[in-house]
Amino acid sequence: MVATGVHILLSLALILVLRRPGRPEPYLVGALAAAVPDSDTFVFRPLVNSGYVEGVLWSHRGLTHSLLGGIVVVALLSSVGPWRPAAIGFGSHVGFDFLSGGVRLLAPLDRTLYGLSFDWLLLNALTSAVAVTVILGGLLGRKYGLETRTGSYTAKPILEWFR
């Protein structure tokens, strides 16, 4: 079980590294796409408990964690912002859940649970540490204009930057 906040942090870090957008929309779309798959825990559970739906497709890591679910989420969120960050957010969520227990990737056609089973607590801690470091590094880089500099660095300008 991976915390939803870790999914969002991972998504934001990947968007920062892979896309480097200057606008806020890609980050918003990516964060929403990373959070939407876990909505099955509070949307489908009352339907299952009431008897309206049944089966593994409506359980956690079922239909909302599948490729079909990804296509729907990315299509819906592309109306708000760019589709690539939405795909990164959803893909990072499904990939991370693949590592921490498995997902029904080909639902509704195949109900097989695909994945590995690493310790989710260790994955949460390591991923959070790396994602926060990348995000803070990106924010500091934007603040101090490090991303616009090109060429090789010498010791003198770097030392002046720290003063």
C-alpha atoms as a PDB file:
ATOM      1  CA  MET A   1       0.000   0.000   0.000  1.00  0.00           C
ATOM      2  CA  VAL A   2       1.565   3.227  -1.169  1.00  0.00           C
ATOM      3  CA  ALA A   3       0.368   6.520   0.270  1.00  0.00           C
ATOM      4  CA  THR A   4      -1.412   8.809  -2.194  1.00  0.00           C
ATOM      5  CA  GLY A   5       0.884  11.677  -1.200  1.00  0.00           C
ATOM      6  CA  VAL A   6       3.887   9.640  -2.311  1.00  0.00           C
ATOM      7  CA  HIS A   7       2.214   9.018  -5.667  1.00  0.00           C
ATOM      8  CA  ILE A   8       1.731  12.765  -6.079  1.00  0.00           C
ATOM      9  CA  LEU A   9       5.312  13.573  -5.028  1.00  0.00           C
ATOM     10  CA  LEU A  10       6.693  10.999  -7.451  1.00  0.00           C
ATOM     11  CA  SER A  11       4.544  12.374 -10.255  1.00  0.00           C
ATOM     12  CA  LEU A  12       5.639  15.967  -9.615  1.00  0.00           C
ATOM     13  CA  ALA A  13       9.307  14.962  -9.491  1.00  0.00           C
ATOM     14  CA  LEU A  14       9.052  12.998 -12.745  1.00  0.00           C
ATOM     15  CA  ILE A  15       7.274  15.855 -14.513  1.00  0.00           C
ATOM     16  CA  LEU A  16       9.940  18.258 -13.287  1.00  0.00           C
ATOM     17  CA  VAL A  17      12.742  16.027 -14.542  1.00  0.00           C
ATOM     18  CA  LEU A  18      11.165  14.858 -17.804  1.00  0.00           C
ATOM     19  CA  ARG A  19       9.223  17.915 -18.971  1.00  0.00           C
ATOM     20  CA  ARG A  20      10.492  20.987 -17.028  1.00  0.00           C
ATOM     21  CA  PRO A  21       7.337  23.021 -17.623  1.00  0.00           C
ATOM     22  CA  GLY A  22       7.256  26.666 -16.687  1.00  0.00           C
ATOM     23  CA  ARG A  23       3.504  26.762 -16.159  1.00  0.00           C
ATOM     24  CA  PRO A  24       1.473  25.293 -13.273  1.00  0.00           C
ATOM     25  CA  GLU A  25      -1.052  23.333 -15.377  1.00  0.00           C
ATOM     26  CA  PRO A  26       1.196  20.337 -16.103  1.00  0.00           C
ATOM     27  CA  TYR A  27       1.937  19.894 -12.413  1.00  0.00           C
ATOM     28  CA  LEU A  28      -1.760  20.097 -11.521  1.00  0.00           C
ATOM     29  CA  VAL A  29      -2.743  17.609 -14.213  1.00  0.00           C
ATOM     30  CA  GLY A  30       0.056  15.241 -13.195  1.00  0.00           C
ATOM     31  CA  ALA A  31      -0.862  15.403  -9.522  1.00  0.00           C
ATOM     32  CA  LEU A  32      -4.534  14.741 -10.274  1.00  0.00           C
ATOM     33  CA  ALA A  33      -3.672  11.836 -12.569  1.00  0.00           C
ATOM     34  CA  ALA A  34      -1.477  10.353  -9.851  1.00  0.00           C
ATOM     35  CA  ALA A  35      -4.259  10.615  -7.264  1.00  0.00           C
ATOM     36  CA  VAL A  36      -7.270   9.466  -9.328  1.00  0.00           C
ATOM     37  CA  PRO A  37      -6.522   5.697  -9.398  1.00  0.00           C
ATOM     38  CA  ASP A  38      -6.866   5.460  -5.622  1.00  0.00           C
ATOM     39  CA  SER A  39     -10.352   6.950  -5.805  1.00  0.00           C
ATOM     40  CA  ASP A  40     -11.572   3.374  -6.153  1.00  0.00           C
ATOM     41  CA  THR A  41     -11.208   2.968  -2.397  1.00  0.00           C
ATOM     42  CA  PHE A  42     -14.003   5.447  -1.651  1.00  0.00           C
ATOM     43  CA  VAL A  43     -16.023   5.411  -4.893  1.00  0.00           C
ATOM     44  CA  PHE A  44     -16.412   1.673  -5.501  1.00  0.00           C
ATOM     45  CA  ARG A  45     -16.461   0.419  -1.897  1.00  0.00           C
ATOM     46  CA  PRO A  46     -19.987   1.751  -1.141  1.00  0.00           C
ATOM     47  CA  LEU A  47     -21.220   0.253  -4.428  1.00  0.00           C
ATOM     48  CA  VAL A  48     -19.722  -3.133  -3.531  1.00  0.00           C
ATOM     49  CA  ASN A  49     -21.078  -2.999   0.022  1.00  0.00           C
ATOM     50  CA  SER A  50     -24.557  -2.124  -1.291  1.00  0.00           C
ATOM     51  CA  GLY A  51     -24.451  -5.013  -3.751  1.00  0.00           C
ATOM     52  CA  TYR A  52     -24.594  -2.937  -6.937  1.00  0.00           C
ATOM     53  CA  VAL A  53     -21.276  -4.277  -8.259  1.00  0.00           C
ATOM     54  CA  GLU A  54     -19.080  -7.215  -7.341  1.00  0.00           C
ATOM     55  CA  GLY A  55     -15.803  -8.829  -8.319  1.00  0.00           C
ATOM     56  CA  VAL A  56     -12.136  -7.948  -8.397  1.00  0.00           C
ATOM     57  CA  LEU A  57     -12.571  -5.248 -11.047  1.00  0.00           C
ATOM     58  CA  TRP A  58     -14.261  -3.037  -8.492  1.00  0.00           C
ATOM     59  CA  SER A  59     -11.725  -3.665  -5.751  1.00  0.00           C
ATOM     60  CA  HIS A  60      -8.652  -1.594  -5.054  1.00  0.00           C
ATOM     61  CA  ARG A  61      -6.056  -1.810  -7.848  1.00  0.00           C
ATOM     62  CA  GLY A  62      -8.688  -3.129 -10.219  1.00  0.00           C
ATOM     63  CA  LEU A  63     -10.258  -1.193 -13.057  1.00  0.00           C
ATOM     64  CA  THR A  64      -8.876   2.207 -12.044  1.00  0.00           C
ATOM     65  CA  HIS A  65      -5.308   0.853 -12.197  1.00  0.00           C
ATOM     66  CA  SER A  66      -5.650  -0.656 -15.681  1.00  0.00           C
ATOM     67  CA  LEU A  67      -4.583   0.585 -19.092  1.00  0.00           C
ATOM     68  CA  LEU A  68      -8.230   1.276 -19.899  1.00  0.00           C
ATOM     69  CA  GLY A  69      -8.505   3.357 -16.727  1.00  0.00           C
ATOM     70  CA  GLY A  70      -5.358   5.210 -17.749  1.00  0.00           C
ATOM     71  CA  ILE A  71      -6.763   6.068 -21.158  1.00  0.00           C
ATOM     72  CA  VAL A  72      -9.948   7.426 -19.564  1.00  0.00           C
ATOM     73  CA  VAL A  73      -8.063   9.453 -16.923  1.00  0.00           C
ATOM     74  CA  VAL A  74      -5.604  10.927 -19.423  1.00  0.00           C
ATOM     75  CA  ALA A  75      -8.411  11.765 -21.872  1.00  0.00           C
ATOM     76  CA  LEU A  76     -10.452  13.507 -19.169  1.00  0.00           C
ATOM     77  CA  LEU A  77      -7.512  15.440 -17.727  1.00  0.00           C
ATOM     78  CA  SER A  78      -6.252  16.497 -21.146  1.00  0.00           C
ATOM     79  CA  SER A  79      -9.234  18.842 -21.282  1.00  0.00           C
ATOM     80  CA  VAL A  80      -7.727  20.717 -18.311  1.00  0.00           C
ATOM     81  CA  GLY A  81      -4.067  20.636 -19.300  1.00  0.00           C
ATOM     82  CA  PRO A  82      -1.477  18.836 -21.404  1.00  0.00           C
ATOM     83  CA  TRP A  83      -1.858  15.084 -21.814  1.00  0.00           C
ATOM     84  CA  ARG A  84       1.793  14.084 -21.324  1.00  0.00           C
ATOM     85  CA  PRO A  85       1.967  15.094 -17.645  1.00  0.00           C
ATOM     86  CA  ALA A  86      -1.331  13.279 -17.099  1.00  0.00           C
ATOM     87  CA  ALA A  87       0.177  10.161 -18.667  1.00  0.00           C
ATOM     88  CA  ILE A  88       3.303  10.559 -16.514  1.00  0.00           C
ATOM     89  CA  GLY A  89       1.196  10.925 -13.369  1.00  0.00           C
ATOM     90  CA  PHE A  90      -1.006   7.927 -14.093  1.00  0.00           C
ATOM     91  CA  GLY A  91       1.897   5.829 -15.322  1.00  0.00           C
ATOM     92  CA  SER A  92       3.985   6.579 -12.255  1.00  0.00           C
ATOM     93  CA  HIS A  93       1.074   5.579 -10.014  1.00  0.00           C
ATOM     94  CA  VAL A  94       0.499   2.280 -11.780  1.00  0.00           C
ATOM     95  CA  GLY A  95       4.230   1.572 -12.038  1.00  0.00           C
ATOM     96  CA  PHE A  96       4.746   2.221  -8.356  1.00  0.00           C
ATOM     97  CA  ASP A  97       1.786   0.050  -7.383  1.00  0.00           C
ATOM     98  CA  PHE A  98       3.180  -2.633  -9.699  1.00  0.00           C
ATOM     99  CA  LEU A  99       6.268  -2.685  -7.497  1.00  0.00           C
ATOM    100  CA  SER A 100       4.366  -2.762  -4.227  1.00  0.00           C
ATOM    101  CA  GLY A 101       1.879  -5.571  -4.671  1.00  0.00           C
ATOM    102  CA  GLY A 102       0.560  -5.577  -8.214  1.00  0.00           C
ATOM    103  CA  VAL A 103      -2.161  -4.168 -10.441  1.00  0.00           C
ATOM    104  CA  ARG A 104      -4.762  -5.600 -12.791  1.00  0.00           C
ATOM    105  CA  LEU A 105      -3.130  -3.989 -15.790  1.00  0.00           C
ATOM    106  CA  LEU A 106      -5.296  -5.526 -18.513  1.00  0.00           C
ATOM    107  CA  ALA A 107      -8.678  -5.262 -16.763  1.00  0.00           C
ATOM    108  CA  PRO A 108     -11.456  -5.791 -17.754  1.00  0.00           C
ATOM    109  CA  LEU A 109     -10.110  -8.272 -20.334  1.00  0.00           C
ATOM    110  CA  ASP A 110      -7.776 -10.082 -17.940  1.00  0.00           C
ATOM    111  CA  ARG A 111      -8.233 -10.162 -14.173  1.00  0.00           C
ATOM    112  CA  THR A 112      -4.694 -11.326 -13.424  1.00  0.00           C
ATOM    113  CA  LEU A 113      -2.752  -9.361 -10.807  1.00  0.00           C
ATOM    114  CA  TYR A 114       0.606  -8.413 -12.332  1.00  0.00           C
ATOM    115  CA  GLY A 115       3.410  -7.098 -10.200  1.00  0.00           C
ATOM    116  CA  LEU A 116       6.102  -7.506  -7.618  1.00  0.00           C
ATOM    117  CA  SER A 117       5.927  -7.296  -3.869  1.00  0.00           C
ATOM    118  CA  PHE A 118       8.583  -5.049  -2.410  1.00  0.00           C
ATOM    119  CA  ASP A 119       8.228  -3.668   1.098  1.00  0.00           C
ATOM    120  CA  TRP A 120       5.816  -0.766   0.634  1.00  0.00           C
ATOM    121  CA  LEU A 121       7.034   1.101   3.710  1.00  0.00           C
ATOM    122  CA  LEU A 122      10.610   1.137   2.441  1.00  0.00           C
ATOM    123  CA  LEU A 123       9.417   2.139  -1.047  1.00  0.00           C
ATOM    124  CA  ASN A 124       7.397   5.016   0.437  1.00  0.00           C
ATOM    125  CA  ALA A 125      10.348   6.302   2.442  1.00  0.00           C
ATOM    126  CA  LEU A 126      12.910   6.064  -0.345  1.00  0.00           C
ATOM    127  CA  THR A 127      10.637   7.482  -3.010  1.00  0.00           C
ATOM    128  CA  SER A 128       9.557  10.360  -0.782  1.00  0.00           C
ATOM    129  CA  ALA A 129      13.166  11.254   0.000  1.00  0.00           C
ATOM    130  CA  VAL A 130      14.223  11.199  -3.646  1.00  0.00           C
ATOM    131  CA  ALA A 131      11.104  13.008  -4.901  1.00  0.00           C
ATOM    132  CA  VAL A 132      11.345  15.792  -2.299  1.00  0.00           C
ATOM    133  CA  THR A 133      15.044  16.231  -3.093  1.00  0.00           C
ATOM    134  CA  VAL A 134      14.333  16.509  -6.821  1.00  0.00           C
ATOM    135  CA  ILE A 135      11.457  18.945  -6.290  1.00  0.00           C
ATOM    136  CA  LEU A 136      13.423  21.156  -3.906  1.00  0.00           C
ATOM    137  CA  GLY A 137      16.405  21.052  -6.246  1.00  0.00           C
ATOM    138  CA  GLY A 138      14.189  22.121  -9.121  1.00  0.00           C
ATOM    139  CA  LEU A 139      12.696  24.964  -7.099  1.00  0.00           C
ATOM    140  CA  LEU A 140      16.114  26.186  -5.992  1.00  0.00           C
ATOM    141  CA  GLY A 141      17.350  25.885  -9.555  1.00  0.00           C
ATOM    142  CA  ARG A 142      14.508  28.079 -10.775  1.00  0.00           C
ATOM    143  CA  LYS A 143      15.058  30.596  -8.003  1.00  0.00           C
ATOM    144  CA  TYR A 144      18.750  30.999  -8.712  1.00  0.00           C
ATOM    145  CA  GLY A 145      18.499  30.610 -12.483  1.00  0.00           C
ATOM    146  CA  LEU A 146      20.660  27.507 -12.705  1.00  0.00           C
ATOM    147  CA  GLU A 147      18.652  25.972 -15.523  1.00  0.00           C
ATOM    148  CA  THR A 148      19.369  28.831 -17.930  1.00  0.00           C
ATOM    149  CA  ARG A 149      23.142  28.664 -17.636  1.00  0.00           C
ATOM    150  CA  THR A 150      25.047  26.682 -20.205  1.00  0.00           C
ATOM    151  CA  GLY A 151      28.649  25.766 -20.680  1.00  0.00           C
ATOM    152  CA  SER A 152      31.120  24.325 -18.261  1.00  0.00           C
ATOM    153  CA  TYR A 153      31.368  25.490 -14.706  1.00  0.00           C
ATOM    154  CA  THR A 154      34.571  26.518 -13.082  1.00  0.00           C
ATOM    155  CA  ALA A 155      35.209  26.694  -9.370  1.00  0.00           C
ATOM    156  CA  LYS A 156      35.175  30.496  -9.170  1.00  0.00           C
ATOM    157  CA  PRO A 157      31.571  31.155 -10.345  1.00  0.00           C
ATOM    158  CA  ILE A 158      30.289  28.292  -8.217  1.00  0.00           C
ATOM    159  CA  LEU A 159      32.024  29.674  -5.137  1.00  0.00           C
ATOM    160  CA  GLU A 160      30.613  33.137  -5.885  1.00  0.00           C
ATOM    161  CA  TRP A 161      27.132  31.657  -6.121  1.00  0.00           C
ATOM    162  CA  PHE A 162      27.413  30.337  -2.553  1.00  0.00           C
ATOM    163  CA  ARG A 163      28.404  33.764  -1.141  1.00  0.00           C
END
